[in-house]
Amino acid sequence: MATSGVPDINVVALCGSLRKASYHRGLIRSAIQISQESVKGMKIEYVDITPLPFINTDLEVNGTFPPVVETFRQKILAADCFLFASPEYNYSISPPLKNAIDWASRPPNVWAGKRAAIVSTGGNFGGGRGQYHLRQIGVYLDMHFINKPEFFAYAFQPPQKFDGEGNLLDADTKQRLKEVLLSLQAFTLESKSK
C-alpha cells in the first residue's frame, strides 16, 4: 500500500522502436517522469526489448526459454499492467514489438488477464492504425486495453512536440499522457479489487 492510500501498481513500459532518439522512447521517459511527480501509487519500469532474439521455438529446450527471454517473461508476469509506446509500421505494429509480444505469449501466456494502454506518435493519424492492430492482438492474448482516452500525438505538426533527442516538450501532450496514466491506473485498480 502506498503512503498516499492508493495501492501501488507496477507498470511495465515497452517501446516498439529501437532508435535511441525515438519519440516513442521519449513518450515513455515522459510517462515515467509524470508518474513520479503526479500519479501517486504508480511505478513505471521501462523494459528494453532489444536483446530478445527472433522468436524461434527451436530455442525452447526441455520446456525452458533462453535466459534473456525468461527474464523478459518474468518481468511481464510480475507487472500489474502495461504501457505500450507503439510506432506504426505499414499500418501495423513494429517487428521488435511483435517479437516481444510473441515470446511472452508462449505457453503459459503471461499477458493474460492484465490491463494495458497504448500511446503513439507519428505523422497523419499519429500511429492510430498500429494501435488498432495491437488491440486486435490483445484480444487473442486476453489483454484488456483502456478505451479512453486514446492517445495519438501528431509529431510533425506545430507546435514542436519533441526535441532532437526524442524528449517530449509539449505541455498539452504531457497533460494528455498524464490522463492516459490515470485511466490505466484506475482500470488496473478496478481489476485488482474484483
N, C-alpha and C. Protein backbone atom coordinates (compact mmCIF):
# COMPACT_ATOMS: atom_id res chain seq x y z
N MET A 1 0.85 -1.18 0.00
CA MET A 1 0.00 0.00 0.00
C MET A 1 0.89 1.24 0.00
N ALA A 2 0.64 2.14 -0.92
CA ALA A 2 1.40 3.37 -0.98
C ALA A 2 1.03 4.28 0.18
N THR A 3 1.92 5.19 0.51
CA THR A 3 1.65 6.10 1.62
C THR A 3 0.49 7.03 1.33
N SER A 4 0.15 7.23 0.07
CA SER A 4 -0.97 8.10 -0.29
C SER A 4 -2.31 7.44 -0.04
N GLY A 5 -2.30 6.15 0.31
CA GLY A 5 -3.55 5.42 0.49
C GLY A 5 -4.02 4.72 -0.77
N VAL A 6 -3.39 5.03 -1.91
CA VAL A 6 -3.71 4.35 -3.17
C VAL A 6 -2.77 3.16 -3.31
N PRO A 7 -3.30 1.96 -3.57
CA PRO A 7 -2.40 0.80 -3.72
C PRO A 7 -1.40 1.02 -4.85
N ASP A 8 -0.19 0.51 -4.65
CA ASP A 8 0.82 0.60 -5.70
C ASP A 8 0.47 -0.31 -6.85
N ILE A 9 0.71 0.18 -8.07
CA ILE A 9 0.65 -0.69 -9.23
C ILE A 9 1.97 -0.59 -9.98
N ASN A 10 2.42 -1.73 -10.47
CA ASN A 10 3.67 -1.81 -11.21
C ASN A 10 3.36 -1.92 -12.69
N VAL A 11 3.87 -0.95 -13.45
CA VAL A 11 3.63 -0.87 -14.88
C VAL A 11 4.92 -1.22 -15.61
N VAL A 12 4.84 -2.13 -16.55
CA VAL A 12 5.97 -2.37 -17.46
C VAL A 12 5.70 -1.59 -18.73
N ALA A 13 6.66 -0.75 -19.12
CA ALA A 13 6.55 0.05 -20.34
C ALA A 13 7.44 -0.56 -21.42
N LEU A 14 6.86 -0.74 -22.59
CA LEU A 14 7.58 -1.33 -23.72
C LEU A 14 7.55 -0.36 -24.90
N CYS A 15 8.70 -0.20 -25.54
CA CYS A 15 8.81 0.67 -26.71
C CYS A 15 9.04 -0.17 -27.95
N GLY A 16 8.21 0.04 -28.96
CA GLY A 16 8.33 -0.72 -30.20
C GLY A 16 9.39 -0.22 -31.14
N SER A 17 10.02 0.91 -30.83
CA SER A 17 11.09 1.45 -31.67
C SER A 17 12.44 1.18 -31.02
N LEU A 18 13.42 0.83 -31.82
CA LEU A 18 14.76 0.56 -31.31
C LEU A 18 15.69 1.77 -31.39
N ARG A 19 15.25 2.84 -32.04
CA ARG A 19 16.10 4.03 -32.19
C ARG A 19 16.35 4.71 -30.86
N LYS A 20 17.58 5.13 -30.61
CA LYS A 20 17.91 5.79 -29.35
C LYS A 20 17.14 7.09 -29.16
N ALA A 21 16.97 7.85 -30.24
CA ALA A 21 16.28 9.13 -30.15
C ALA A 21 14.81 9.01 -30.56
N SER A 22 14.26 7.83 -30.42
CA SER A 22 12.87 7.59 -30.80
C SER A 22 11.92 8.47 -30.00
N TYR A 23 10.92 9.02 -30.68
CA TYR A 23 9.87 9.78 -29.99
C TYR A 23 9.08 8.87 -29.06
N HIS A 24 8.98 7.60 -29.41
CA HIS A 24 8.24 6.67 -28.56
C HIS A 24 8.97 6.41 -27.24
N ARG A 25 10.29 6.33 -27.30
CA ARG A 25 11.06 6.25 -26.05
C ARG A 25 10.88 7.54 -25.24
N GLY A 26 10.80 8.66 -25.97
CA GLY A 26 10.55 9.93 -25.31
C GLY A 26 9.21 9.94 -24.58
N LEU A 27 8.20 9.32 -25.18
CA LEU A 27 6.90 9.22 -24.50
C LEU A 27 7.02 8.41 -23.22
N ILE A 28 7.79 7.33 -23.26
CA ILE A 28 7.96 6.52 -22.05
C ILE A 28 8.73 7.29 -20.99
N ARG A 29 9.81 7.98 -21.38
CA ARG A 29 10.56 8.78 -20.41
C ARG A 29 9.65 9.82 -19.75
N SER A 30 8.83 10.44 -20.56
CA SER A 30 7.91 11.45 -20.03
C SER A 30 6.88 10.81 -19.11
N ALA A 31 6.37 9.64 -19.48
CA ALA A 31 5.40 8.93 -18.63
C ALA A 31 6.01 8.58 -17.28
N ILE A 32 7.26 8.14 -17.27
CA ILE A 32 7.95 7.82 -16.01
C ILE A 32 8.06 9.08 -15.15
N GLN A 33 8.46 10.18 -15.76
CA GLN A 33 8.58 11.44 -15.01
C GLN A 33 7.23 11.89 -14.46
N ILE A 34 6.19 11.83 -15.29
CA ILE A 34 4.85 12.23 -14.86
C ILE A 34 4.38 11.35 -13.70
N SER A 35 4.62 10.05 -13.80
CA SER A 35 4.17 9.15 -12.74
C SER A 35 4.88 9.47 -11.42
N GLN A 36 6.16 9.79 -11.49
CA GLN A 36 6.92 10.11 -10.29
C GLN A 36 6.45 11.42 -9.66
N GLU A 37 6.04 12.37 -10.49
CA GLU A 37 5.68 13.70 -9.99
C GLU A 37 4.21 13.82 -9.60
N SER A 38 3.31 13.12 -10.32
CA SER A 38 1.90 13.44 -10.09
C SER A 38 0.91 12.30 -10.23
N VAL A 39 1.38 11.07 -10.32
CA VAL A 39 0.45 9.92 -10.31
C VAL A 39 0.87 9.03 -9.15
N LYS A 40 0.33 9.31 -7.99
CA LYS A 40 0.72 8.59 -6.78
C LYS A 40 0.32 7.12 -6.88
N GLY A 41 1.22 6.26 -6.40
CA GLY A 41 0.93 4.84 -6.38
C GLY A 41 1.21 4.10 -7.67
N MET A 42 1.86 4.77 -8.63
CA MET A 42 2.19 4.13 -9.91
C MET A 42 3.69 4.13 -10.10
N LYS A 43 4.25 2.95 -10.37
CA LYS A 43 5.68 2.83 -10.67
C LYS A 43 5.80 2.24 -12.07
N ILE A 44 6.49 2.97 -12.95
CA ILE A 44 6.68 2.53 -14.33
C ILE A 44 8.12 2.09 -14.51
N GLU A 45 8.30 0.89 -15.02
CA GLU A 45 9.63 0.37 -15.35
C GLU A 45 9.72 0.16 -16.85
N TYR A 46 10.69 0.80 -17.47
CA TYR A 46 10.94 0.58 -18.89
C TYR A 46 11.71 -0.73 -19.05
N VAL A 47 11.21 -1.61 -19.87
CA VAL A 47 11.86 -2.89 -20.14
C VAL A 47 12.29 -2.90 -21.61
N ASP A 48 13.58 -3.00 -21.83
CA ASP A 48 14.16 -2.95 -23.17
C ASP A 48 13.96 -4.29 -23.88
N ILE A 49 13.39 -4.24 -25.08
CA ILE A 49 13.15 -5.48 -25.84
C ILE A 49 14.26 -5.75 -26.85
N THR A 50 15.24 -4.86 -26.93
CA THR A 50 16.32 -5.00 -27.91
C THR A 50 17.06 -6.34 -27.81
N PRO A 51 17.35 -6.86 -26.60
CA PRO A 51 18.15 -8.10 -26.53
C PRO A 51 17.43 -9.37 -26.93
N LEU A 52 16.10 -9.32 -27.10
CA LEU A 52 15.35 -10.55 -27.39
C LEU A 52 15.72 -11.10 -28.76
N PRO A 53 16.01 -12.39 -28.86
CA PRO A 53 16.26 -12.99 -30.18
C PRO A 53 14.95 -13.08 -30.96
N PHE A 54 15.07 -13.26 -32.27
CA PHE A 54 13.86 -13.53 -33.05
C PHE A 54 13.20 -14.79 -32.51
N ILE A 55 11.90 -14.75 -32.43
CA ILE A 55 11.20 -15.91 -31.88
C ILE A 55 11.46 -17.14 -32.75
N ASN A 56 11.80 -18.21 -32.06
CA ASN A 56 12.13 -19.47 -32.73
C ASN A 56 11.95 -20.56 -31.69
N THR A 57 10.97 -21.41 -31.89
CA THR A 57 10.69 -22.42 -30.87
C THR A 57 11.82 -23.45 -30.74
N ASP A 58 12.75 -23.47 -31.69
CA ASP A 58 13.93 -24.32 -31.52
C ASP A 58 14.78 -23.86 -30.33
N LEU A 59 14.61 -22.59 -29.93
CA LEU A 59 15.36 -22.07 -28.79
C LEU A 59 14.76 -22.50 -27.45
N GLU A 60 13.56 -23.07 -27.50
CA GLU A 60 12.93 -23.59 -26.29
C GLU A 60 13.40 -25.03 -26.10
N VAL A 61 14.15 -25.27 -25.04
CA VAL A 61 14.75 -26.58 -24.82
C VAL A 61 14.21 -27.17 -23.53
N ASN A 62 13.60 -28.35 -23.65
CA ASN A 62 13.03 -29.05 -22.47
C ASN A 62 12.12 -28.14 -21.64
N GLY A 63 11.28 -27.38 -22.36
CA GLY A 63 10.32 -26.53 -21.67
C GLY A 63 10.89 -25.26 -21.09
N THR A 64 12.12 -24.93 -21.44
CA THR A 64 12.73 -23.69 -20.93
C THR A 64 13.01 -22.73 -22.08
N PHE A 65 13.13 -21.46 -21.73
CA PHE A 65 13.41 -20.41 -22.70
C PHE A 65 14.85 -19.94 -22.54
N PRO A 66 15.41 -19.29 -23.57
CA PRO A 66 16.73 -18.68 -23.39
C PRO A 66 16.70 -17.71 -22.20
N PRO A 67 17.79 -17.57 -21.45
CA PRO A 67 17.77 -16.73 -20.25
C PRO A 67 17.22 -15.33 -20.46
N VAL A 68 17.59 -14.66 -21.56
CA VAL A 68 17.11 -13.30 -21.80
C VAL A 68 15.59 -13.29 -22.01
N VAL A 69 15.08 -14.33 -22.63
CA VAL A 69 13.63 -14.43 -22.83
C VAL A 69 12.93 -14.72 -21.51
N GLU A 70 13.49 -15.60 -20.72
CA GLU A 70 12.89 -15.93 -19.42
C GLU A 70 12.86 -14.70 -18.51
N THR A 71 13.93 -13.93 -18.51
CA THR A 71 13.96 -12.70 -17.71
C THR A 71 12.86 -11.75 -18.16
N PHE A 72 12.70 -11.61 -19.47
CA PHE A 72 11.64 -10.75 -20.01
C PHE A 72 10.27 -11.26 -19.61
N ARG A 73 10.04 -12.55 -19.75
CA ARG A 73 8.74 -13.13 -19.40
C ARG A 73 8.43 -12.92 -17.91
N GLN A 74 9.43 -13.02 -17.06
CA GLN A 74 9.21 -12.82 -15.63
C GLN A 74 8.84 -11.37 -15.32
N LYS A 75 9.42 -10.41 -16.06
CA LYS A 75 9.04 -9.00 -15.90
C LYS A 75 7.58 -8.80 -16.28
N ILE A 76 7.17 -9.43 -17.37
CA ILE A 76 5.78 -9.31 -17.82
C ILE A 76 4.84 -9.96 -16.80
N LEU A 77 5.20 -11.12 -16.33
CA LEU A 77 4.38 -11.84 -15.36
C LEU A 77 4.21 -11.04 -14.08
N ALA A 78 5.26 -10.37 -13.62
CA ALA A 78 5.21 -9.64 -12.35
C ALA A 78 4.47 -8.31 -12.45
N ALA A 79 4.28 -7.80 -13.66
CA ALA A 79 3.64 -6.49 -13.84
C ALA A 79 2.14 -6.57 -13.56
N ASP A 80 1.61 -5.46 -13.07
CA ASP A 80 0.16 -5.34 -12.91
C ASP A 80 -0.50 -4.92 -14.22
N CYS A 81 0.23 -4.14 -15.02
CA CYS A 81 -0.32 -3.65 -16.28
C CYS A 81 0.82 -3.17 -17.17
N PHE A 82 0.46 -2.73 -18.37
CA PHE A 82 1.47 -2.40 -19.39
C PHE A 82 1.18 -1.07 -20.05
N LEU A 83 2.26 -0.38 -20.42
CA LEU A 83 2.17 0.81 -21.25
C LEU A 83 2.98 0.54 -22.51
N PHE A 84 2.29 0.49 -23.63
CA PHE A 84 2.94 0.26 -24.92
C PHE A 84 3.13 1.61 -25.63
N ALA A 85 4.36 1.92 -26.01
CA ALA A 85 4.64 3.04 -26.90
C ALA A 85 4.92 2.41 -28.26
N SER A 86 3.91 2.47 -29.12
CA SER A 86 3.91 1.62 -30.31
C SER A 86 3.91 2.43 -31.59
N PRO A 87 5.04 2.48 -32.28
CA PRO A 87 5.05 3.14 -33.59
C PRO A 87 4.26 2.31 -34.60
N GLU A 88 3.84 2.98 -35.65
CA GLU A 88 3.10 2.30 -36.72
C GLU A 88 4.04 1.99 -37.87
N TYR A 89 4.11 0.72 -38.23
CA TYR A 89 4.90 0.27 -39.38
C TYR A 89 3.93 -0.37 -40.38
N ASN A 90 3.76 0.25 -41.53
CA ASN A 90 2.91 -0.32 -42.58
C ASN A 90 1.52 -0.70 -42.06
N TYR A 91 0.90 0.23 -41.34
CA TYR A 91 -0.45 0.05 -40.79
C TYR A 91 -0.49 -0.98 -39.66
N SER A 92 0.63 -1.37 -39.12
CA SER A 92 0.66 -2.39 -38.08
C SER A 92 1.67 -1.98 -37.01
N ILE A 93 1.99 -2.91 -36.13
CA ILE A 93 2.98 -2.65 -35.09
C ILE A 93 4.37 -3.03 -35.61
N SER A 94 5.39 -2.59 -34.90
CA SER A 94 6.76 -2.83 -35.36
C SER A 94 7.17 -4.29 -35.13
N PRO A 95 8.07 -4.80 -35.95
CA PRO A 95 8.55 -6.18 -35.76
C PRO A 95 9.16 -6.44 -34.38
N PRO A 96 9.98 -5.53 -33.81
CA PRO A 96 10.51 -5.83 -32.47
C PRO A 96 9.43 -5.99 -31.42
N LEU A 97 8.39 -5.16 -31.50
CA LEU A 97 7.31 -5.27 -30.52
C LEU A 97 6.52 -6.55 -30.72
N LYS A 98 6.24 -6.92 -31.94
CA LYS A 98 5.52 -8.17 -32.21
C LYS A 98 6.33 -9.35 -31.71
N ASN A 99 7.65 -9.31 -31.90
CA ASN A 99 8.53 -10.37 -31.43
C ASN A 99 8.44 -10.52 -29.90
N ALA A 100 8.49 -9.38 -29.19
CA ALA A 100 8.39 -9.42 -27.73
C ALA A 100 7.04 -9.97 -27.28
N ILE A 101 5.99 -9.51 -27.93
CA ILE A 101 4.65 -10.00 -27.59
C ILE A 101 4.56 -11.50 -27.79
N ASP A 102 5.11 -11.98 -28.90
CA ASP A 102 5.04 -13.41 -29.20
C ASP A 102 5.81 -14.24 -28.18
N TRP A 103 6.99 -13.78 -27.77
CA TRP A 103 7.76 -14.53 -26.77
C TRP A 103 6.98 -14.65 -25.46
N ALA A 104 6.35 -13.57 -25.04
CA ALA A 104 5.63 -13.60 -23.76
C ALA A 104 4.29 -14.32 -23.87
N SER A 105 3.85 -14.61 -25.09
CA SER A 105 2.59 -15.34 -25.26
C SER A 105 2.80 -16.85 -25.33
N ARG A 106 4.06 -17.29 -25.42
CA ARG A 106 4.32 -18.73 -25.46
C ARG A 106 3.81 -19.35 -24.15
N PRO A 107 3.27 -20.56 -24.21
CA PRO A 107 2.67 -21.15 -23.00
C PRO A 107 3.67 -21.25 -21.85
N PRO A 108 3.24 -20.79 -20.66
CA PRO A 108 1.97 -20.13 -20.39
C PRO A 108 2.01 -18.65 -20.78
N ASN A 109 0.92 -18.17 -21.35
CA ASN A 109 0.78 -16.78 -21.80
C ASN A 109 0.81 -15.85 -20.59
N VAL A 110 1.86 -15.04 -20.45
CA VAL A 110 2.00 -14.19 -19.27
C VAL A 110 1.34 -12.81 -19.43
N TRP A 111 0.71 -12.56 -20.57
CA TRP A 111 -0.07 -11.33 -20.76
C TRP A 111 -1.49 -11.47 -20.18
N ALA A 112 -1.97 -12.66 -20.05
CA ALA A 112 -3.40 -12.94 -19.85
C ALA A 112 -3.98 -12.24 -18.64
N GLY A 113 -5.14 -11.62 -18.85
CA GLY A 113 -5.92 -11.03 -17.79
C GLY A 113 -5.44 -9.67 -17.32
N LYS A 114 -4.41 -9.12 -17.94
CA LYS A 114 -3.85 -7.86 -17.46
C LYS A 114 -4.33 -6.67 -18.29
N ARG A 115 -4.20 -5.49 -17.69
CA ARG A 115 -4.64 -4.24 -18.31
C ARG A 115 -3.48 -3.57 -19.03
N ALA A 116 -3.83 -2.71 -20.01
CA ALA A 116 -2.79 -2.06 -20.80
C ALA A 116 -3.31 -0.76 -21.40
N ALA A 117 -2.37 0.09 -21.79
CA ALA A 117 -2.66 1.32 -22.51
C ALA A 117 -1.65 1.44 -23.64
N ILE A 118 -2.05 2.17 -24.68
CA ILE A 118 -1.17 2.37 -25.84
C ILE A 118 -1.03 3.87 -26.09
N VAL A 119 0.19 4.30 -26.34
CA VAL A 119 0.45 5.66 -26.80
C VAL A 119 1.28 5.57 -28.07
N SER A 120 1.07 6.53 -28.97
CA SER A 120 1.86 6.52 -30.20
C SER A 120 1.97 7.94 -30.74
N THR A 121 2.95 8.11 -31.60
CA THR A 121 3.16 9.38 -32.26
C THR A 121 3.63 9.12 -33.68
N GLY A 122 3.49 10.11 -34.52
CA GLY A 122 3.90 9.98 -35.91
C GLY A 122 3.18 11.00 -36.77
N GLY A 123 3.20 10.77 -38.06
CA GLY A 123 2.51 11.66 -38.98
C GLY A 123 1.07 11.22 -39.20
N ASN A 124 0.36 11.99 -39.97
CA ASN A 124 -1.02 11.69 -40.37
C ASN A 124 -1.90 11.32 -39.19
N PHE A 125 -2.09 10.02 -38.97
CA PHE A 125 -3.02 9.54 -37.95
C PHE A 125 -2.34 9.33 -36.60
N GLY A 126 -1.08 9.71 -36.47
CA GLY A 126 -0.37 9.63 -35.20
C GLY A 126 -0.13 8.22 -34.70
N GLY A 127 -0.08 7.26 -35.62
CA GLY A 127 0.16 5.87 -35.23
C GLY A 127 -1.10 5.08 -34.92
N GLY A 128 -2.26 5.66 -35.22
CA GLY A 128 -3.53 5.04 -34.83
C GLY A 128 -3.80 3.68 -35.44
N ARG A 129 -3.41 3.48 -36.69
CA ARG A 129 -3.68 2.18 -37.32
C ARG A 129 -2.91 1.07 -36.61
N GLY A 130 -1.67 1.38 -36.25
CA GLY A 130 -0.88 0.40 -35.50
C GLY A 130 -1.49 0.11 -34.14
N GLN A 131 -2.03 1.14 -33.50
CA GLN A 131 -2.70 0.93 -32.20
C GLN A 131 -3.88 -0.02 -32.35
N TYR A 132 -4.66 0.15 -33.39
CA TYR A 132 -5.84 -0.71 -33.55
C TYR A 132 -5.44 -2.15 -33.81
N HIS A 133 -4.33 -2.35 -34.51
CA HIS A 133 -3.84 -3.71 -34.73
C HIS A 133 -3.37 -4.33 -33.42
N LEU A 134 -2.68 -3.53 -32.59
CA LEU A 134 -2.24 -4.02 -31.29
C LEU A 134 -3.43 -4.41 -30.42
N ARG A 135 -4.49 -3.65 -30.49
CA ARG A 135 -5.71 -4.01 -29.75
C ARG A 135 -6.26 -5.36 -30.22
N GLN A 136 -6.22 -5.61 -31.52
CA GLN A 136 -6.68 -6.92 -32.04
C GLN A 136 -5.83 -8.05 -31.49
N ILE A 137 -4.53 -7.86 -31.45
CA ILE A 137 -3.63 -8.87 -30.90
C ILE A 137 -3.98 -9.11 -29.43
N GLY A 138 -4.27 -8.03 -28.72
CA GLY A 138 -4.61 -8.12 -27.31
C GLY A 138 -5.84 -8.98 -27.04
N VAL A 139 -6.78 -8.99 -27.97
CA VAL A 139 -7.97 -9.83 -27.79
C VAL A 139 -7.57 -11.29 -27.66
N TYR A 140 -6.71 -11.74 -28.56
CA TYR A 140 -6.29 -13.15 -28.52
C TYR A 140 -5.49 -13.45 -27.25
N LEU A 141 -4.72 -12.46 -26.79
CA LEU A 141 -3.85 -12.66 -25.62
C LEU A 141 -4.60 -12.50 -24.30
N ASP A 142 -5.90 -12.15 -24.36
CA ASP A 142 -6.70 -11.88 -23.17
C ASP A 142 -6.13 -10.71 -22.37
N MET A 143 -5.65 -9.69 -23.11
CA MET A 143 -5.15 -8.46 -22.53
C MET A 143 -6.24 -7.40 -22.72
N HIS A 144 -6.43 -6.54 -21.73
CA HIS A 144 -7.54 -5.60 -21.75
C HIS A 144 -7.02 -4.16 -21.78
N PHE A 145 -7.30 -3.45 -22.88
CA PHE A 145 -6.83 -2.09 -23.06
C PHE A 145 -7.85 -1.07 -22.57
N ILE A 146 -7.35 0.04 -22.01
CA ILE A 146 -8.26 1.14 -21.71
C ILE A 146 -8.87 1.62 -23.03
N ASN A 147 -10.09 2.06 -22.98
CA ASN A 147 -10.73 2.58 -24.19
C ASN A 147 -10.53 4.08 -24.34
N LYS A 148 -10.58 4.80 -23.24
CA LYS A 148 -10.46 6.25 -23.26
C LYS A 148 -9.54 6.70 -22.15
N PRO A 149 -8.75 7.71 -22.34
CA PRO A 149 -8.60 8.45 -23.60
C PRO A 149 -7.67 7.71 -24.56
N GLU A 150 -7.92 7.88 -25.83
CA GLU A 150 -6.97 7.40 -26.83
C GLU A 150 -5.87 8.46 -26.94
N PHE A 151 -4.66 8.01 -27.27
CA PHE A 151 -3.53 8.94 -27.33
C PHE A 151 -2.80 8.78 -28.65
N PHE A 152 -2.95 9.77 -29.51
CA PHE A 152 -2.22 9.86 -30.76
C PHE A 152 -1.57 11.25 -30.78
N ALA A 153 -0.27 11.33 -30.88
CA ALA A 153 0.41 12.62 -30.95
C ALA A 153 0.91 12.84 -32.37
N TYR A 154 0.50 13.95 -32.96
CA TYR A 154 0.91 14.27 -34.32
C TYR A 154 2.26 14.97 -34.26
N ALA A 155 3.31 14.21 -34.45
CA ALA A 155 4.67 14.65 -34.16
C ALA A 155 5.17 15.78 -35.04
N PHE A 156 4.64 15.90 -36.24
CA PHE A 156 5.24 16.81 -37.21
C PHE A 156 4.40 18.05 -37.47
N GLN A 157 3.38 18.28 -36.65
CA GLN A 157 2.57 19.49 -36.76
C GLN A 157 2.96 20.44 -35.63
N PRO A 158 2.96 21.75 -35.90
CA PRO A 158 3.28 22.69 -34.84
C PRO A 158 2.22 22.64 -33.73
N PRO A 159 2.59 22.96 -32.50
CA PRO A 159 3.94 23.32 -32.06
C PRO A 159 4.86 22.11 -32.00
N GLN A 160 6.17 22.37 -31.96
CA GLN A 160 7.15 21.28 -31.89
C GLN A 160 6.91 20.47 -30.62
N LYS A 161 6.77 19.17 -30.78
CA LYS A 161 6.45 18.32 -29.63
C LYS A 161 7.66 17.61 -29.04
N PHE A 162 8.69 17.38 -29.85
CA PHE A 162 9.87 16.64 -29.40
C PHE A 162 11.14 17.38 -29.80
N ASP A 163 12.20 17.20 -29.00
CA ASP A 163 13.50 17.75 -29.38
C ASP A 163 14.29 16.71 -30.17
N GLY A 164 15.52 17.02 -30.53
CA GLY A 164 16.34 16.14 -31.35
C GLY A 164 16.73 14.84 -30.67
N GLU A 165 16.61 14.79 -29.34
CA GLU A 165 16.92 13.57 -28.59
C GLU A 165 15.67 12.71 -28.35
N GLY A 166 14.53 13.17 -28.87
CA GLY A 166 13.29 12.42 -28.69
C GLY A 166 12.54 12.76 -27.41
N ASN A 167 12.96 13.80 -26.70
CA ASN A 167 12.28 14.17 -25.46
C ASN A 167 11.01 14.96 -25.74
N LEU A 168 9.95 14.63 -25.03
CA LEU A 168 8.67 15.31 -25.20
C LEU A 168 8.75 16.70 -24.58
N LEU A 169 8.38 17.72 -25.37
CA LEU A 169 8.45 19.10 -24.93
C LEU A 169 7.08 19.71 -24.67
N ASP A 170 6.08 19.30 -25.41
CA ASP A 170 4.78 19.96 -25.46
C ASP A 170 3.95 19.71 -24.21
N ALA A 171 3.57 20.79 -23.52
CA ALA A 171 2.83 20.68 -22.26
C ALA A 171 1.45 20.04 -22.45
N ASP A 172 0.76 20.38 -23.52
CA ASP A 172 -0.57 19.80 -23.76
C ASP A 172 -0.47 18.29 -23.97
N THR A 173 0.55 17.86 -24.70
CA THR A 173 0.75 16.42 -24.94
C THR A 173 1.10 15.72 -23.63
N LYS A 174 1.89 16.37 -22.78
CA LYS A 174 2.20 15.78 -21.47
C LYS A 174 0.94 15.63 -20.62
N GLN A 175 0.05 16.60 -20.69
CA GLN A 175 -1.19 16.51 -19.93
C GLN A 175 -2.05 15.36 -20.45
N ARG A 176 -2.11 15.19 -21.75
CA ARG A 176 -2.87 14.07 -22.33
C ARG A 176 -2.25 12.74 -21.91
N LEU A 177 -0.93 12.68 -21.85
CA LEU A 177 -0.24 11.47 -21.42
C LEU A 177 -0.57 11.17 -19.95
N LYS A 178 -0.61 12.20 -19.13
CA LYS A 178 -0.99 12.01 -17.73
C LYS A 178 -2.40 11.44 -17.62
N GLU A 179 -3.31 11.90 -18.45
CA GLU A 179 -4.69 11.38 -18.42
C GLU A 179 -4.74 9.90 -18.79
N VAL A 180 -3.89 9.48 -19.72
CA VAL A 180 -3.80 8.05 -20.05
C VAL A 180 -3.32 7.26 -18.84
N LEU A 181 -2.30 7.76 -18.16
CA LEU A 181 -1.76 7.06 -16.99
C LEU A 181 -2.81 6.95 -15.88
N LEU A 182 -3.55 8.01 -15.65
CA LEU A 182 -4.59 7.97 -14.62
C LEU A 182 -5.69 6.98 -14.98
N SER A 183 -6.04 6.92 -16.26
CA SER A 183 -7.05 5.96 -16.70
C SER A 183 -6.55 4.52 -16.55
N LEU A 184 -5.28 4.29 -16.92
CA LEU A 184 -4.69 2.96 -16.76
C LEU A 184 -4.65 2.57 -15.29
N GLN A 185 -4.29 3.50 -14.44
CA GLN A 185 -4.24 3.22 -13.01
C GLN A 185 -5.63 2.84 -12.49
N ALA A 186 -6.63 3.61 -12.83
CA ALA A 186 -7.99 3.33 -12.35
C ALA A 186 -8.49 1.99 -12.86
N PHE A 187 -8.24 1.69 -14.12
CA PHE A 187 -8.68 0.42 -14.74
C PHE A 187 -7.99 -0.77 -14.07
N THR A 188 -6.71 -0.61 -13.78
CA THR A 188 -5.94 -1.69 -13.15
C THR A 188 -6.40 -1.91 -11.72
N LEU A 189 -6.60 -0.84 -10.98
CA LEU A 189 -7.06 -0.97 -9.59
C LEU A 189 -8.45 -1.59 -9.54
N GLU A 190 -9.29 -1.24 -10.49
CA GLU A 190 -10.63 -1.85 -10.55
C GLU A 190 -10.52 -3.36 -10.76
N SER A 191 -9.62 -3.79 -11.63
CA SER A 191 -9.46 -5.23 -11.88
C SER A 191 -8.90 -5.95 -10.67
N LYS A 192 -8.02 -5.27 -9.91
CA LYS A 192 -7.41 -5.91 -8.73
C LYS A 192 -8.39 -6.03 -7.56
N SER A 193 -9.43 -5.19 -7.57
CA SER A 193 -10.39 -5.21 -6.45
C SER A 193 -11.47 -6.26 -6.62
N LYS A 194 -11.52 -6.89 -7.80
CA LYS A 194 -12.57 -7.89 -8.06
C LYS A 194 -12.20 -9.23 -7.48
